[in-house]
Amino acid sequence: MKKNALKEWMAAQIWYRFFGCRYNKNHDHIFDFVTPRIPGEFLGKNVIDIGCGDGTNTLRIKKSFRAKSITGLEVNPFLIERARKKGLSVRKFRFEEGLPEGELATFTFSLHHSPDMGKTLQEAERNFKLIFLCEPVLDISHRILDGGTSLPKKDWIALFDEVFHTYDILQYRNNLMVFHRSKKL
């Protein structure tokens, strides 16, 4: 089993099963930072939260973006159940099966779990009018504890440049936040 595959399996079968998205409990400060900086055209949309985890950040997205509606997509059955217990609409989803279409896609600490982040962003660019994402810059905790493949800041920016070309980017502590308007607008 490859190193990342082992980390993903451990996260999915042990960490998420018994602890949920425990790290999400500490993300209020991130949303306190980004909420007043959300561009107006991102507010009041129908949102698809891709990789919604246990729904904790999905509820923050709903509030911060003043979502007209919000649907979560998640692969892990334990997390789907937790998100549904919070009153969220959640569908089973795998990156390999493709993205739906919609107004606003959000990726909050989930893109780095995609087996092909570039392909996922290209598909999101085709399928959604607006994209918001928040991803951690690679650090020791993401190198050891987290599943997925978090990137150093320069590699995240290279990926965004390659796929999006134009976007607004913010950094808060160890997190990059991107607002992108697709060519569909």
N, C-alpha and C. Protein backbone atom coordinates (compact mmCIF):
# COMPACT_ATOMS: atom_id res chain seq x y z
N MET A 1 0.85 -1.18 0.00
CA MET A 1 0.00 0.00 0.00
C MET A 1 0.90 1.25 0.00
N LYS A 2 0.65 2.19 -0.89
CA LYS A 2 1.44 3.42 -0.96
C LYS A 2 1.24 4.23 0.31
N LYS A 3 2.23 5.10 0.60
CA LYS A 3 2.20 5.91 1.82
C LYS A 3 0.91 6.74 1.90
N ASN A 4 0.55 7.47 0.83
CA ASN A 4 -0.67 8.28 0.87
C ASN A 4 -1.92 7.41 0.97
N ALA A 5 -1.91 6.26 0.32
CA ALA A 5 -3.06 5.35 0.40
C ALA A 5 -3.22 4.85 1.84
N LEU A 6 -2.11 4.56 2.49
CA LEU A 6 -2.16 4.11 3.89
C LEU A 6 -2.70 5.23 4.78
N LYS A 7 -2.20 6.46 4.58
CA LYS A 7 -2.69 7.60 5.36
C LYS A 7 -4.18 7.82 5.13
N GLU A 8 -4.63 7.73 3.88
CA GLU A 8 -6.06 7.91 3.57
C GLU A 8 -6.88 6.82 4.26
N TRP A 9 -6.41 5.58 4.20
CA TRP A 9 -7.14 4.48 4.83
C TRP A 9 -7.22 4.68 6.33
N MET A 10 -6.10 5.06 6.95
CA MET A 10 -6.10 5.28 8.39
C MET A 10 -7.03 6.43 8.77
N ALA A 11 -7.00 7.50 8.00
CA ALA A 11 -7.88 8.63 8.27
C ALA A 11 -9.34 8.20 8.15
N ALA A 12 -9.66 7.49 7.07
CA ALA A 12 -11.06 7.11 6.81
C ALA A 12 -11.57 6.08 7.80
N GLN A 13 -10.78 5.07 8.10
CA GLN A 13 -11.27 3.95 8.90
C GLN A 13 -11.07 4.10 10.40
N ILE A 14 -10.13 4.93 10.78
CA ILE A 14 -9.86 5.08 12.21
C ILE A 14 -10.20 6.49 12.68
N TRP A 15 -9.47 7.48 12.16
CA TRP A 15 -9.64 8.85 12.64
C TRP A 15 -11.07 9.34 12.43
N TYR A 16 -11.56 9.34 11.17
CA TYR A 16 -12.90 9.87 10.89
C TYR A 16 -13.99 9.02 11.54
N ARG A 17 -13.77 7.72 11.60
CA ARG A 17 -14.78 6.83 12.18
C ARG A 17 -15.01 7.12 13.66
N PHE A 18 -13.92 7.30 14.39
CA PHE A 18 -14.05 7.47 15.83
C PHE A 18 -14.01 8.92 16.31
N PHE A 19 -13.42 9.79 15.52
CA PHE A 19 -13.27 11.18 15.95
C PHE A 19 -13.92 12.20 15.02
N GLY A 20 -14.45 11.75 13.87
CA GLY A 20 -15.04 12.70 12.92
C GLY A 20 -13.99 13.65 12.40
N CYS A 21 -14.42 14.83 12.03
CA CYS A 21 -13.48 15.87 11.56
C CYS A 21 -13.16 16.77 12.73
N ARG A 22 -12.55 16.21 13.73
CA ARG A 22 -12.29 16.91 14.98
C ARG A 22 -11.56 18.25 14.78
N TYR A 23 -10.67 18.30 13.79
CA TYR A 23 -9.94 19.53 13.52
C TYR A 23 -10.86 20.66 13.06
N ASN A 24 -12.01 20.33 12.47
CA ASN A 24 -12.96 21.36 12.02
C ASN A 24 -13.52 22.17 13.19
N LYS A 25 -13.52 21.62 14.36
CA LYS A 25 -14.07 22.33 15.52
C LYS A 25 -13.31 23.62 15.81
N ASN A 26 -12.10 23.72 15.28
CA ASN A 26 -11.26 24.89 15.53
C ASN A 26 -11.17 25.83 14.33
N HIS A 27 -12.11 25.77 13.41
CA HIS A 27 -12.04 26.59 12.19
C HIS A 27 -12.85 27.87 12.26
N ASP A 28 -13.47 28.19 13.38
CA ASP A 28 -14.24 29.44 13.48
C ASP A 28 -13.38 30.64 13.09
N HIS A 29 -12.15 30.68 13.55
CA HIS A 29 -11.28 31.82 13.27
C HIS A 29 -11.04 32.00 11.77
N ILE A 30 -10.99 30.90 11.03
CA ILE A 30 -10.80 30.98 9.57
C ILE A 30 -12.02 31.64 8.93
N PHE A 31 -13.20 31.22 9.35
CA PHE A 31 -14.41 31.80 8.78
C PHE A 31 -14.64 33.22 9.28
N ASP A 32 -14.21 33.53 10.50
CA ASP A 32 -14.26 34.92 10.97
C ASP A 32 -13.40 35.81 10.08
N PHE A 33 -12.26 35.29 9.63
CA PHE A 33 -11.37 36.03 8.74
C PHE A 33 -11.97 36.20 7.34
N VAL A 34 -12.47 35.11 6.77
CA VAL A 34 -12.89 35.16 5.36
C VAL A 34 -14.26 35.78 5.14
N THR A 35 -15.17 35.67 6.09
CA THR A 35 -16.56 36.13 5.89
C THR A 35 -16.65 37.58 5.42
N PRO A 36 -15.98 38.53 6.06
CA PRO A 36 -16.12 39.91 5.56
C PRO A 36 -15.41 40.16 4.23
N ARG A 37 -14.64 39.18 3.75
CA ARG A 37 -13.87 39.34 2.52
C ARG A 37 -14.50 38.59 1.34
N ILE A 38 -15.64 37.96 1.54
CA ILE A 38 -16.29 37.20 0.47
C ILE A 38 -16.84 38.18 -0.56
N PRO A 39 -16.45 38.04 -1.83
CA PRO A 39 -16.99 38.93 -2.87
C PRO A 39 -18.52 38.77 -2.97
N GLY A 40 -19.19 39.87 -3.24
CA GLY A 40 -20.65 39.90 -3.26
C GLY A 40 -21.29 38.87 -4.17
N GLU A 41 -20.67 38.60 -5.33
CA GLU A 41 -21.30 37.66 -6.26
C GLU A 41 -21.25 36.22 -5.77
N PHE A 42 -20.52 35.95 -4.68
CA PHE A 42 -20.46 34.60 -4.11
C PHE A 42 -21.56 34.38 -3.05
N LEU A 43 -22.29 35.42 -2.71
CA LEU A 43 -23.30 35.33 -1.66
C LEU A 43 -24.66 34.95 -2.23
N GLY A 44 -25.44 34.21 -1.43
CA GLY A 44 -26.82 33.88 -1.79
C GLY A 44 -26.95 32.88 -2.93
N LYS A 45 -26.00 31.99 -3.10
CA LYS A 45 -26.01 31.01 -4.19
C LYS A 45 -26.44 29.63 -3.70
N ASN A 46 -26.73 28.77 -4.66
CA ASN A 46 -26.92 27.35 -4.38
C ASN A 46 -25.52 26.73 -4.34
N VAL A 47 -25.18 26.15 -3.19
CA VAL A 47 -23.81 25.71 -2.94
C VAL A 47 -23.74 24.18 -2.93
N ILE A 48 -22.69 23.66 -3.55
CA ILE A 48 -22.33 22.26 -3.43
C ILE A 48 -21.00 22.24 -2.68
N ASP A 49 -20.98 21.67 -1.48
CA ASP A 49 -19.77 21.58 -0.67
C ASP A 49 -19.12 20.23 -0.93
N ILE A 50 -18.05 20.25 -1.68
CA ILE A 50 -17.40 19.03 -2.13
C ILE A 50 -16.41 18.55 -1.08
N GLY A 51 -16.65 17.35 -0.57
CA GLY A 51 -15.84 16.82 0.52
C GLY A 51 -16.24 17.46 1.84
N CYS A 52 -17.53 17.39 2.14
CA CYS A 52 -18.09 18.13 3.28
C CYS A 52 -17.72 17.57 4.64
N GLY A 53 -17.12 16.40 4.68
CA GLY A 53 -16.74 15.82 5.97
C GLY A 53 -17.94 15.64 6.87
N ASP A 54 -17.80 16.02 8.13
CA ASP A 54 -18.88 15.83 9.10
C ASP A 54 -19.91 16.97 9.08
N GLY A 55 -19.74 17.91 8.15
CA GLY A 55 -20.71 19.00 8.00
C GLY A 55 -20.43 20.24 8.83
N THR A 56 -19.42 20.19 9.68
CA THR A 56 -19.13 21.34 10.54
C THR A 56 -18.79 22.57 9.72
N ASN A 57 -17.87 22.43 8.76
CA ASN A 57 -17.54 23.57 7.92
C ASN A 57 -18.65 23.88 6.92
N THR A 58 -19.43 22.90 6.55
CA THR A 58 -20.56 23.12 5.64
C THR A 58 -21.55 24.09 6.28
N LEU A 59 -21.80 23.92 7.56
CA LEU A 59 -22.68 24.86 8.27
C LEU A 59 -22.07 26.25 8.33
N ARG A 60 -20.75 26.33 8.48
CA ARG A 60 -20.09 27.64 8.45
C ARG A 60 -20.20 28.28 7.07
N ILE A 61 -20.03 27.48 6.02
CA ILE A 61 -20.16 27.98 4.65
C ILE A 61 -21.59 28.49 4.43
N LYS A 62 -22.56 27.72 4.88
CA LYS A 62 -23.96 28.12 4.72
C LYS A 62 -24.20 29.50 5.32
N LYS A 63 -23.68 29.71 6.50
CA LYS A 63 -23.87 30.99 7.19
C LYS A 63 -23.04 32.10 6.53
N SER A 64 -21.76 31.87 6.33
CA SER A 64 -20.87 32.91 5.81
C SER A 64 -21.23 33.35 4.40
N PHE A 65 -21.61 32.40 3.55
CA PHE A 65 -21.95 32.69 2.16
C PHE A 65 -23.44 32.99 1.98
N ARG A 66 -24.18 32.96 3.10
CA ARG A 66 -25.63 33.19 3.06
C ARG A 66 -26.28 32.35 1.95
N ALA A 67 -25.95 31.07 1.95
CA ALA A 67 -26.36 30.15 0.89
C ALA A 67 -27.87 30.06 0.76
N LYS A 68 -28.32 30.11 -0.47
CA LYS A 68 -29.73 29.89 -0.77
C LYS A 68 -30.08 28.44 -0.44
N SER A 69 -29.18 27.53 -0.81
CA SER A 69 -29.29 26.12 -0.45
C SER A 69 -27.87 25.57 -0.40
N ILE A 70 -27.71 24.45 0.31
CA ILE A 70 -26.38 23.83 0.38
C ILE A 70 -26.55 22.31 0.44
N THR A 71 -25.73 21.63 -0.37
CA THR A 71 -25.71 20.17 -0.40
C THR A 71 -24.27 19.74 -0.22
N GLY A 72 -24.05 18.79 0.65
CA GLY A 72 -22.71 18.27 0.86
C GLY A 72 -22.48 17.01 0.05
N LEU A 73 -21.25 16.82 -0.38
CA LEU A 73 -20.82 15.60 -1.05
C LEU A 73 -19.68 15.02 -0.23
N GLU A 74 -19.75 13.72 0.04
CA GLU A 74 -18.73 13.11 0.91
C GLU A 74 -18.60 11.62 0.58
N VAL A 75 -17.40 11.10 0.68
CA VAL A 75 -17.13 9.69 0.40
C VAL A 75 -17.28 8.82 1.65
N ASN A 76 -16.94 9.33 2.80
CA ASN A 76 -16.86 8.51 4.00
C ASN A 76 -18.24 8.33 4.65
N PRO A 77 -18.71 7.08 4.77
CA PRO A 77 -20.05 6.85 5.34
C PRO A 77 -20.21 7.32 6.78
N PHE A 78 -19.13 7.27 7.57
CA PHE A 78 -19.20 7.72 8.95
C PHE A 78 -19.42 9.23 9.01
N LEU A 79 -18.74 9.95 8.12
CA LEU A 79 -18.89 11.40 8.07
C LEU A 79 -20.23 11.82 7.48
N ILE A 80 -20.71 11.07 6.50
CA ILE A 80 -22.04 11.35 5.92
C ILE A 80 -23.10 11.27 7.01
N GLU A 81 -23.03 10.25 7.82
CA GLU A 81 -24.00 10.08 8.90
C GLU A 81 -23.92 11.24 9.89
N ARG A 82 -22.72 11.65 10.24
CA ARG A 82 -22.56 12.78 11.18
C ARG A 82 -23.12 14.07 10.59
N ALA A 83 -22.86 14.30 9.30
CA ALA A 83 -23.36 15.52 8.65
C ALA A 83 -24.89 15.51 8.57
N ARG A 84 -25.46 14.36 8.28
CA ARG A 84 -26.93 14.26 8.21
C ARG A 84 -27.56 14.50 9.58
N LYS A 85 -26.88 14.05 10.64
CA LYS A 85 -27.40 14.30 12.00
C LYS A 85 -27.41 15.79 12.33
N LYS A 86 -26.63 16.57 11.60
CA LYS A 86 -26.62 18.03 11.77
C LYS A 86 -27.67 18.71 10.89
N GLY A 87 -28.50 17.89 10.23
CA GLY A 87 -29.58 18.44 9.41
C GLY A 87 -29.20 18.78 7.98
N LEU A 88 -28.05 18.32 7.53
CA LEU A 88 -27.59 18.64 6.18
C LEU A 88 -28.00 17.59 5.17
N SER A 89 -28.21 18.04 3.96
CA SER A 89 -28.43 17.15 2.83
C SER A 89 -27.06 16.74 2.30
N VAL A 90 -26.77 15.45 2.32
CA VAL A 90 -25.46 14.96 1.91
C VAL A 90 -25.63 13.76 0.99
N ARG A 91 -24.85 13.77 -0.09
CA ARG A 91 -24.84 12.64 -1.04
C ARG A 91 -23.47 11.99 -1.04
N LYS A 92 -23.46 10.67 -1.27
CA LYS A 92 -22.21 9.93 -1.40
C LYS A 92 -21.51 10.39 -2.68
N PHE A 93 -20.21 10.53 -2.60
CA PHE A 93 -19.45 11.10 -3.71
C PHE A 93 -18.02 10.58 -3.69
N ARG A 94 -17.50 10.36 -4.89
CA ARG A 94 -16.08 10.04 -5.07
C ARG A 94 -15.55 10.92 -6.18
N PHE A 95 -14.38 11.49 -5.99
CA PHE A 95 -13.79 12.37 -7.00
C PHE A 95 -13.73 11.68 -8.36
N GLU A 96 -13.43 10.39 -8.37
CA GLU A 96 -13.27 9.66 -9.63
C GLU A 96 -14.57 9.57 -10.43
N GLU A 97 -15.71 9.78 -9.79
CA GLU A 97 -17.00 9.68 -10.48
C GLU A 97 -17.42 11.00 -11.10
N GLY A 98 -16.67 12.05 -10.89
CA GLY A 98 -16.96 13.34 -11.51
C GLY A 98 -17.79 14.25 -10.64
N LEU A 99 -17.72 15.53 -10.96
CA LEU A 99 -18.42 16.56 -10.20
C LEU A 99 -19.78 16.87 -10.82
N PRO A 100 -20.75 17.24 -10.00
CA PRO A 100 -22.02 17.70 -10.54
C PRO A 100 -21.84 19.11 -11.12
N GLU A 101 -22.92 19.69 -11.60
CA GLU A 101 -22.90 21.08 -12.07
C GLU A 101 -23.66 21.93 -11.08
N GLY A 102 -23.35 23.24 -11.06
CA GLY A 102 -24.06 24.11 -10.16
C GLY A 102 -23.54 25.54 -10.20
N GLU A 103 -24.02 26.32 -9.23
CA GLU A 103 -23.64 27.73 -9.15
C GLU A 103 -22.29 27.93 -8.46
N LEU A 104 -22.20 27.44 -7.22
CA LEU A 104 -21.00 27.66 -6.41
C LEU A 104 -20.52 26.34 -5.82
N ALA A 105 -19.26 25.99 -6.15
CA ALA A 105 -18.62 24.83 -5.55
C ALA A 105 -17.69 25.32 -4.46
N THR A 106 -17.72 24.64 -3.31
CA THR A 106 -16.77 24.94 -2.25
C THR A 106 -15.96 23.68 -1.93
N PHE A 107 -14.69 23.90 -1.73
CA PHE A 107 -13.76 22.85 -1.28
C PHE A 107 -13.12 23.41 -0.03
N THR A 108 -13.45 22.89 1.11
CA THR A 108 -12.85 23.36 2.35
C THR A 108 -12.06 22.22 2.97
N PHE A 109 -10.76 22.27 2.78
CA PHE A 109 -9.85 21.23 3.26
C PHE A 109 -10.18 19.87 2.65
N SER A 110 -10.60 19.88 1.38
CA SER A 110 -10.96 18.62 0.73
C SER A 110 -10.24 18.39 -0.59
N LEU A 111 -9.85 19.44 -1.30
CA LEU A 111 -9.23 19.25 -2.61
C LEU A 111 -7.98 18.39 -2.51
N HIS A 112 -7.22 18.53 -1.44
CA HIS A 112 -5.98 17.75 -1.32
C HIS A 112 -6.24 16.25 -1.15
N HIS A 113 -7.51 15.85 -1.06
CA HIS A 113 -7.86 14.43 -1.02
C HIS A 113 -8.17 13.88 -2.42
N SER A 114 -8.25 14.76 -3.41
CA SER A 114 -8.51 14.32 -4.79
C SER A 114 -7.29 13.58 -5.32
N PRO A 115 -7.50 12.46 -6.02
CA PRO A 115 -6.35 11.75 -6.58
C PRO A 115 -5.68 12.53 -7.73
N ASP A 116 -6.41 13.49 -8.33
CA ASP A 116 -5.85 14.33 -9.38
C ASP A 116 -6.41 15.74 -9.21
N MET A 117 -5.72 16.54 -8.42
CA MET A 117 -6.23 17.87 -8.07
C MET A 117 -6.41 18.76 -9.30
N GLY A 118 -5.49 18.69 -10.25
CA GLY A 118 -5.61 19.49 -11.46
C GLY A 118 -6.85 19.14 -12.25
N LYS A 119 -7.09 17.86 -12.44
CA LYS A 119 -8.28 17.40 -13.17
C LYS A 119 -9.55 17.82 -12.43
N THR A 120 -9.55 17.69 -11.11
CA THR A 120 -10.72 18.08 -10.32
C THR A 120 -11.01 19.57 -10.47
N LEU A 121 -9.98 20.40 -10.41
CA LEU A 121 -10.19 21.84 -10.58
C LEU A 121 -10.65 22.19 -11.98
N GLN A 122 -10.12 21.53 -12.99
CA GLN A 122 -10.57 21.77 -14.37
C GLN A 122 -12.04 21.43 -14.52
N GLU A 123 -12.46 20.31 -13.94
CA GLU A 123 -13.85 19.90 -14.00
C GLU A 123 -14.74 20.89 -13.23
N ALA A 124 -14.28 21.34 -12.07
CA ALA A 124 -15.04 22.34 -11.31
C ALA A 124 -15.17 23.62 -12.11
N GLU A 125 -14.12 24.00 -12.80
CA GLU A 125 -14.13 25.22 -13.63
C GLU A 125 -15.18 25.10 -14.75
N ARG A 126 -15.31 23.91 -15.31
CA ARG A 126 -16.31 23.68 -16.38
C ARG A 126 -17.74 23.61 -15.82
N ASN A 127 -17.89 23.06 -14.61
CA ASN A 127 -19.22 22.72 -14.10
C ASN A 127 -19.85 23.77 -13.19
N PHE A 128 -19.06 24.72 -12.71
CA PHE A 128 -19.59 25.71 -11.76
C PHE A 128 -19.25 27.12 -12.22
N LYS A 129 -20.12 28.05 -11.89
CA LYS A 129 -19.88 29.46 -12.21
C LYS A 129 -18.86 30.07 -11.26
N LEU A 130 -18.92 29.64 -10.00
CA LEU A 130 -18.05 30.20 -8.96
C LEU A 130 -17.43 29.06 -8.15
N ILE A 131 -16.18 29.28 -7.71
CA ILE A 131 -15.48 28.28 -6.91
C ILE A 131 -14.80 28.99 -5.74
N PHE A 132 -15.01 28.44 -4.55
CA PHE A 132 -14.27 28.88 -3.37
C PHE A 132 -13.54 27.67 -2.83
N LEU A 133 -12.29 27.86 -2.48
CA LEU A 133 -11.59 26.77 -1.82
C LEU A 133 -10.69 27.30 -0.73
N CYS A 134 -10.51 26.49 0.27
CA CYS A 134 -9.62 26.77 1.38
C CYS A 134 -8.79 25.51 1.59
N GLU A 135 -7.48 25.65 1.46
CA GLU A 135 -6.59 24.51 1.59
C GLU A 135 -5.41 24.85 2.49
N PRO A 136 -4.95 23.88 3.25
CA PRO A 136 -3.79 24.12 4.11
C PRO A 136 -2.50 24.07 3.31
N VAL A 137 -1.58 24.94 3.68
CA VAL A 137 -0.22 24.87 3.14
C VAL A 137 0.47 23.74 3.89
N LEU A 138 1.23 22.95 3.18
CA LEU A 138 1.90 21.79 3.78
C LEU A 138 2.70 22.21 5.01
N ASP A 139 2.42 21.52 6.11
CA ASP A 139 3.17 21.69 7.35
C ASP A 139 3.31 20.33 8.02
N ILE A 140 3.91 20.29 9.16
CA ILE A 140 4.21 19.01 9.81
C ILE A 140 2.94 18.21 10.13
N SER A 141 1.88 18.88 10.60
CA SER A 141 0.67 18.13 10.95
C SER A 141 0.02 17.52 9.71
N HIS A 142 0.05 18.23 8.59
CA HIS A 142 -0.54 17.68 7.37
C HIS A 142 0.37 16.63 6.73
N ARG A 143 1.64 16.73 7.00
CA ARG A 143 2.57 15.73 6.46
C ARG A 143 2.39 14.39 7.19
N ILE A 144 2.10 14.45 8.50
CA ILE A 144 2.05 13.23 9.30
C ILE A 144 0.62 12.71 9.49
N LEU A 145 -0.29 13.59 9.91
CA LEU A 145 -1.60 13.14 10.36
C LEU A 145 -2.68 13.07 9.30
N ASP A 146 -2.66 13.97 8.35
CA ASP A 146 -3.77 14.10 7.41
C ASP A 146 -3.61 13.16 6.24
N GLY A 147 -4.73 12.66 5.74
CA GLY A 147 -4.73 11.95 4.48
C GLY A 147 -4.60 12.98 3.36
N GLY A 148 -4.52 12.51 2.16
CA GLY A 148 -4.43 13.44 1.05
C GLY A 148 -3.02 13.95 0.84
N THR A 149 -2.90 14.89 -0.08
CA THR A 149 -1.60 15.42 -0.44
C THR A 149 -1.64 16.93 -0.37
N SER A 150 -1.35 17.48 0.77
CA SER A 150 -1.27 18.92 0.91
C SER A 150 0.02 19.39 0.24
N LEU A 151 0.00 20.60 -0.28
CA LEU A 151 1.13 21.11 -1.05
C LEU A 151 1.79 22.30 -0.37
N PRO A 152 3.05 22.55 -0.69
CA PRO A 152 3.66 23.81 -0.26
C PRO A 152 2.96 24.97 -0.98
N LYS A 153 3.05 26.17 -0.42
CA LYS A 153 2.36 27.33 -0.99
C LYS A 153 2.68 27.53 -2.47
N LYS A 154 3.93 27.46 -2.85
CA LYS A 154 4.32 27.72 -4.24
C LYS A 154 3.67 26.70 -5.19
N ASP A 155 3.50 25.47 -4.75
CA ASP A 155 2.88 24.45 -5.59
C ASP A 155 1.37 24.66 -5.70
N TRP A 156 0.72 25.09 -4.61
CA TRP A 156 -0.70 25.43 -4.69
C TRP A 156 -0.89 26.55 -5.71
N ILE A 157 -0.07 27.59 -5.61
CA ILE A 157 -0.20 28.74 -6.51
C ILE A 157 0.06 28.32 -7.95
N ALA A 158 1.04 27.48 -8.18
CA ALA A 158 1.31 26.99 -9.54
C ALA A 158 0.10 26.24 -10.09
N LEU A 159 -0.55 25.43 -9.25
CA LEU A 159 -1.75 24.70 -9.68
C LEU A 159 -2.89 25.67 -10.01
N PHE A 160 -3.13 26.64 -9.13
CA PHE A 160 -4.19 27.62 -9.38
C PHE A 160 -3.90 28.43 -10.65
N ASP A 161 -2.65 28.82 -10.84
CA ASP A 161 -2.27 29.57 -12.05
C ASP A 161 -2.53 28.75 -13.30
N GLU A 162 -2.15 27.48 -13.25
CA GLU A 162 -2.29 26.60 -14.41
C GLU A 162 -3.75 26.39 -14.79
N VAL A 163 -4.61 26.17 -13.80
CA VAL A 163 -6.01 25.84 -14.08
C VAL A 163 -6.88 27.08 -14.19
N PHE A 164 -6.78 28.00 -13.25
CA PHE A 164 -7.70 29.13 -13.19
C PHE A 164 -7.21 30.36 -13.96
N HIS A 165 -5.93 30.57 -14.01
CA HIS A 165 -5.32 31.76 -14.62
C HIS A 165 -5.63 33.02 -13.82
N THR A 166 -6.90 33.32 -13.56
CA THR A 166 -7.26 34.50 -12.76
C THR A 166 -8.10 34.04 -11.56
N TYR A 167 -7.78 34.61 -10.42
CA TYR A 167 -8.47 34.27 -9.17
C TYR A 167 -8.02 35.26 -8.12
N ASP A 168 -8.78 35.35 -7.06
CA ASP A 168 -8.40 36.15 -5.90
C ASP A 168 -7.91 35.18 -4.84
N ILE A 169 -6.81 35.50 -4.19
CA ILE A 169 -6.26 34.60 -3.18
C ILE A 169 -5.99 35.37 -1.90
N LEU A 170 -6.31 34.75 -0.79
CA LEU A 170 -6.03 35.28 0.54
C LEU A 170 -5.24 34.22 1.30
N GLN A 171 -4.44 34.67 2.24
CA GLN A 171 -3.79 33.74 3.14
C GLN A 171 -4.10 34.16 4.56
N TYR A 172 -4.51 33.19 5.35
CA TYR A 172 -4.74 33.41 6.77
C TYR A 172 -4.03 32.27 7.50
N ARG A 173 -3.04 32.65 8.28
CA ARG A 173 -2.20 31.67 8.96
C ARG A 173 -1.66 30.67 7.93
N ASN A 174 -1.97 29.40 8.12
CA ASN A 174 -1.43 28.36 7.24
C ASN A 174 -2.42 27.94 6.15
N ASN A 175 -3.38 28.79 5.83
CA ASN A 175 -4.43 28.40 4.89
C ASN A 175 -4.51 29.39 3.73
N LEU A 176 -4.66 28.84 2.54
CA LEU A 176 -4.90 29.64 1.35
C LEU A 176 -6.38 29.56 1.01
N MET A 177 -6.97 30.71 0.69
CA MET A 177 -8.38 30.78 0.29
C MET A 177 -8.45 31.40 -1.09
N VAL A 178 -9.16 30.75 -2.00
CA VAL A 178 -9.24 31.19 -3.39
C VAL A 178 -10.70 31.41 -3.77
N PHE A 179 -10.95 32.53 -4.46
CA PHE A 179 -12.24 32.82 -5.07
C PHE A 179 -12.01 32.86 -6.57
N HIS A 180 -12.73 32.03 -7.31
CA HIS A 180 -12.56 31.98 -8.76
C HIS A 180 -13.91 32.11 -9.45
N ARG A 181 -13.94 32.93 -10.48
CA ARG A 181 -15.11 33.09 -11.33
C ARG A 181 -14.81 32.37 -12.64
N SER A 182 -15.62 31.38 -13.00
CA SER A 182 -15.32 30.59 -14.19
C SER A 182 -15.66 31.37 -15.46
N LYS A 183 -15.28 30.81 -16.56
CA LYS A 183 -15.57 31.40 -17.86
C LYS A 183 -17.06 31.35 -18.17
N LYS A 184 -17.83 30.59 -17.38
CA LYS A 184 -19.28 30.49 -17.60
C LYS A 184 -20.00 31.81 -17.28
N LEU A 185 -19.36 32.70 -16.50
CA LEU A 185 -20.01 33.97 -16.12
C LEU A 185 -20.00 34.95 -17.27
